[in-house]
N, C-alpha and C. Protein backbone atom coordinates (compact mmCIF):
# COMPACT_ATOMS: atom_id res chain seq x y z
N MET A 1 92.88 123.06 118.65
CA MET A 1 93.00 123.41 117.23
C MET A 1 94.38 123.31 116.72
N ALA A 2 95.30 123.83 117.49
CA ALA A 2 96.69 123.88 117.08
C ALA A 2 97.25 122.43 116.98
N ALA A 3 96.83 121.52 117.89
CA ALA A 3 97.30 120.19 117.83
C ALA A 3 96.82 119.46 116.58
N THR A 4 95.66 119.80 116.11
CA THR A 4 95.22 119.22 114.85
C THR A 4 95.98 119.75 113.68
N GLU A 5 96.36 120.89 113.72
CA GLU A 5 97.13 121.45 112.65
C GLU A 5 98.53 120.88 112.52
N THR A 6 99.09 120.66 113.68
CA THR A 6 100.41 120.05 113.80
C THR A 6 100.39 118.53 113.31
N LEU A 7 99.40 117.88 113.70
CA LEU A 7 99.17 116.50 113.21
C LEU A 7 99.09 116.39 111.73
N ALA A 8 98.33 117.33 111.11
CA ALA A 8 98.24 117.33 109.70
C ALA A 8 99.55 117.62 108.97
N ALA A 9 100.40 118.48 109.64
CA ALA A 9 101.70 118.79 109.01
C ALA A 9 102.63 117.62 109.10
N VAL A 10 102.53 116.75 110.13
CA VAL A 10 103.34 115.63 110.28
C VAL A 10 102.88 114.59 109.33
N SER A 11 101.64 114.37 109.11
CA SER A 11 101.13 113.27 108.19
C SER A 11 101.61 113.47 106.76
N GLY A 12 102.06 114.63 106.33
CA GLY A 12 102.46 114.84 104.94
C GLY A 12 103.73 114.17 104.67
N SER A 13 104.66 114.01 105.62
CA SER A 13 106.00 113.41 105.36
C SER A 13 106.11 112.06 106.02
N ILE A 14 105.07 111.48 106.45
CA ILE A 14 105.06 110.17 107.14
C ILE A 14 105.51 109.09 106.12
N GLY A 15 105.13 109.24 104.83
CA GLY A 15 105.62 108.24 103.85
C GLY A 15 107.07 108.19 103.70
N SER A 16 107.75 109.42 103.74
CA SER A 16 109.23 109.52 103.70
C SER A 16 109.82 108.79 104.89
N VAL A 17 109.26 108.95 106.00
CA VAL A 17 109.80 108.31 107.26
C VAL A 17 109.59 106.81 107.06
N GLY A 18 108.50 106.33 106.64
CA GLY A 18 108.30 104.95 106.39
C GLY A 18 109.23 104.34 105.34
N TYR A 19 109.52 105.06 104.33
CA TYR A 19 110.49 104.55 103.37
C TYR A 19 111.90 104.51 104.01
N GLY A 20 112.24 105.45 104.79
CA GLY A 20 113.56 105.49 105.44
C GLY A 20 113.75 104.21 106.33
N LEU A 21 112.60 103.97 107.08
CA LEU A 21 112.65 102.81 107.89
C LEU A 21 112.71 101.49 107.11
N SER A 22 112.00 101.34 106.02
CA SER A 22 111.94 100.12 105.18
C SER A 22 113.26 99.89 104.47
N ALA A 23 114.02 101.00 104.24
CA ALA A 23 115.30 100.78 103.52
C ALA A 23 116.37 100.20 104.42
N ILE A 24 116.16 100.13 105.75
CA ILE A 24 117.15 99.56 106.71
C ILE A 24 117.32 98.17 106.42
N GLY A 25 116.20 97.39 106.17
CA GLY A 25 116.23 95.94 106.02
C GLY A 25 117.05 95.49 104.75
N PRO A 26 116.76 96.01 103.60
CA PRO A 26 117.53 95.67 102.44
C PRO A 26 119.01 96.06 102.50
N GLY A 27 119.30 97.20 103.18
CA GLY A 27 120.72 97.62 103.44
C GLY A 27 121.45 96.54 104.25
N ILE A 28 120.87 96.12 105.28
CA ILE A 28 121.49 95.06 106.14
C ILE A 28 121.59 93.76 105.29
N GLY A 29 120.52 93.48 104.58
CA GLY A 29 120.55 92.25 103.78
C GLY A 29 121.71 92.30 102.74
N VAL A 30 121.93 93.37 102.14
CA VAL A 30 123.02 93.46 101.11
C VAL A 30 124.35 93.29 101.79
N GLY A 31 124.44 93.86 102.85
CA GLY A 31 125.76 93.82 103.66
C GLY A 31 125.98 92.32 104.09
N ILE A 32 125.06 91.62 104.46
CA ILE A 32 125.23 90.23 104.90
C ILE A 32 125.55 89.33 103.65
N ILE A 33 124.82 89.60 102.49
CA ILE A 33 125.06 88.86 101.39
C ILE A 33 126.58 89.01 100.82
N PHE A 34 126.97 90.15 100.76
CA PHE A 34 128.36 90.36 100.24
C PHE A 34 129.49 90.02 101.29
N GLY A 35 129.13 90.22 102.54
CA GLY A 35 130.11 89.80 103.54
C GLY A 35 130.34 88.25 103.58
N ASN A 36 129.16 87.64 103.58
CA ASN A 36 129.23 86.16 103.60
C ASN A 36 129.78 85.63 102.17
N GLY A 37 129.57 86.26 101.14
CA GLY A 37 130.04 85.86 99.80
C GLY A 37 131.60 86.06 99.79
N THR A 38 132.07 87.08 100.38
CA THR A 38 133.58 87.24 100.48
C THR A 38 134.16 86.12 101.25
N GLN A 39 133.54 85.77 102.46
CA GLN A 39 134.06 84.68 103.25
C GLN A 39 133.99 83.36 102.43
N ALA A 40 133.00 83.17 101.74
CA ALA A 40 132.84 81.88 100.93
C ALA A 40 133.94 81.86 99.81
N LEU A 41 134.14 83.07 99.12
CA LEU A 41 135.14 83.03 98.14
C LEU A 41 136.57 82.80 98.72
N ALA A 42 136.80 83.29 99.94
CA ALA A 42 138.14 82.96 100.52
C ALA A 42 138.35 81.58 100.91
N ARG A 43 137.25 80.94 101.36
CA ARG A 43 137.37 79.57 101.68
C ARG A 43 137.30 78.53 100.52
N GLN A 44 136.60 78.89 99.44
CA GLN A 44 136.55 78.02 98.30
C GLN A 44 136.70 78.83 97.02
N PRO A 45 137.91 79.19 96.64
CA PRO A 45 138.09 80.00 95.48
C PRO A 45 137.69 79.34 94.16
N GLU A 46 137.63 77.98 94.15
CA GLU A 46 137.26 77.33 92.85
C GLU A 46 135.87 77.37 92.60
N ALA A 47 135.02 77.76 93.58
CA ALA A 47 133.50 77.96 93.36
C ALA A 47 133.14 79.39 93.17
N ALA A 48 134.08 80.16 92.66
CA ALA A 48 133.79 81.60 92.57
C ALA A 48 132.63 81.90 91.70
N GLY A 49 132.50 81.27 90.48
CA GLY A 49 131.37 81.52 89.61
C GLY A 49 129.96 81.25 90.20
N LEU A 50 129.84 80.16 90.92
CA LEU A 50 128.57 79.87 91.58
C LEU A 50 128.32 80.79 92.72
N ILE A 51 129.30 81.05 93.51
CA ILE A 51 129.16 81.98 94.64
C ILE A 51 128.77 83.41 94.07
N ARG A 52 129.34 83.92 93.11
CA ARG A 52 129.14 85.20 92.53
C ARG A 52 127.71 85.28 91.98
N ALA A 53 127.30 84.21 91.29
CA ALA A 53 125.90 84.14 90.75
C ALA A 53 124.84 84.21 91.88
N ASN A 54 125.13 83.55 92.95
CA ASN A 54 124.18 83.52 94.07
C ASN A 54 124.19 84.87 94.76
N GLN A 55 125.33 85.56 94.75
CA GLN A 55 125.39 86.91 95.40
C GLN A 55 124.61 87.89 94.55
N ILE A 56 124.70 87.77 93.32
CA ILE A 56 123.90 88.76 92.39
C ILE A 56 122.45 88.49 92.53
N LEU A 57 121.98 87.18 92.58
CA LEU A 57 120.63 86.88 92.73
C LEU A 57 120.07 87.39 94.10
N GLY A 58 120.82 87.19 95.18
CA GLY A 58 120.44 87.70 96.50
C GLY A 58 120.40 89.26 96.50
N PHE A 59 121.29 89.84 95.91
CA PHE A 59 121.35 91.33 95.78
C PHE A 59 120.10 91.85 95.08
N ALA A 60 119.73 91.22 93.95
CA ALA A 60 118.51 91.65 93.26
C ALA A 60 117.21 91.42 94.02
N PHE A 61 117.15 90.36 94.80
CA PHE A 61 116.01 90.17 95.66
C PHE A 61 115.86 91.25 96.84
N CYS A 62 117.08 91.57 97.39
CA CYS A 62 117.09 92.61 98.43
C CYS A 62 116.77 94.02 97.79
N GLU A 63 117.26 94.34 96.70
CA GLU A 63 117.00 95.66 96.06
C GLU A 63 115.47 95.71 95.57
N ALA A 64 114.86 94.53 95.26
CA ALA A 64 113.46 94.54 94.94
C ALA A 64 112.62 94.90 96.21
N LEU A 65 113.03 94.48 97.33
CA LEU A 65 112.41 94.93 98.58
C LEU A 65 112.46 96.39 98.80
N ALA A 66 113.64 96.91 98.47
CA ALA A 66 113.77 98.39 98.66
C ALA A 66 112.85 99.17 97.62
N LEU A 67 112.78 98.64 96.49
CA LEU A 67 111.94 99.33 95.51
C LEU A 67 110.36 99.12 95.86
N ILE A 68 110.03 98.04 96.36
CA ILE A 68 108.75 97.87 96.88
C ILE A 68 108.41 98.90 97.96
N GLY A 69 109.39 99.13 98.85
CA GLY A 69 109.22 100.00 99.99
C GLY A 69 109.03 101.39 99.44
N ILE A 70 109.70 101.86 98.43
CA ILE A 70 109.58 103.20 97.90
C ILE A 70 108.23 103.39 97.17
N VAL A 71 107.58 102.28 96.66
CA VAL A 71 106.37 102.41 95.91
C VAL A 71 105.27 102.40 96.84
N MET A 72 105.25 101.74 97.96
CA MET A 72 104.12 101.53 98.87
C MET A 72 103.47 102.81 99.37
N PRO A 73 104.24 103.84 99.73
CA PRO A 73 103.49 105.14 100.10
C PRO A 73 102.70 105.69 98.99
N PHE A 74 103.11 105.54 97.77
CA PHE A 74 102.29 106.01 96.69
C PHE A 74 101.07 105.20 96.41
N VAL A 75 101.21 103.94 96.62
CA VAL A 75 100.09 102.93 96.49
C VAL A 75 98.97 103.24 97.51
N PHE A 76 99.37 103.38 98.76
CA PHE A 76 98.41 103.62 99.84
C PHE A 76 98.02 105.08 99.97
N GLY A 77 98.66 106.01 99.28
CA GLY A 77 98.23 107.42 99.28
C GLY A 77 99.05 108.16 100.31
N ILE A 78 99.62 109.38 99.84
CA ILE A 78 100.25 110.22 100.77
C ILE A 78 99.39 111.54 100.73
N ASP A 79 99.13 111.99 101.88
CA ASP A 79 98.27 113.18 101.96
C ASP A 79 99.04 114.46 101.93
């Protein structure tokens, strides 16, 4: 009986754990985008406008993944 009560207590915060794990991917993606963008700007400063536009677009896509990750526990239901 005690094991069942403990399992029920853990299932209440499992959505938060899932979001924490899903936020790792977009965090790494944003770091890669801006790191590579900085290298590209150092190598070709004349293409700064195009590189910056691509950085912002990539950043928006990565952050959309993070927002999807925060919504999914609510879509599938948290007990």
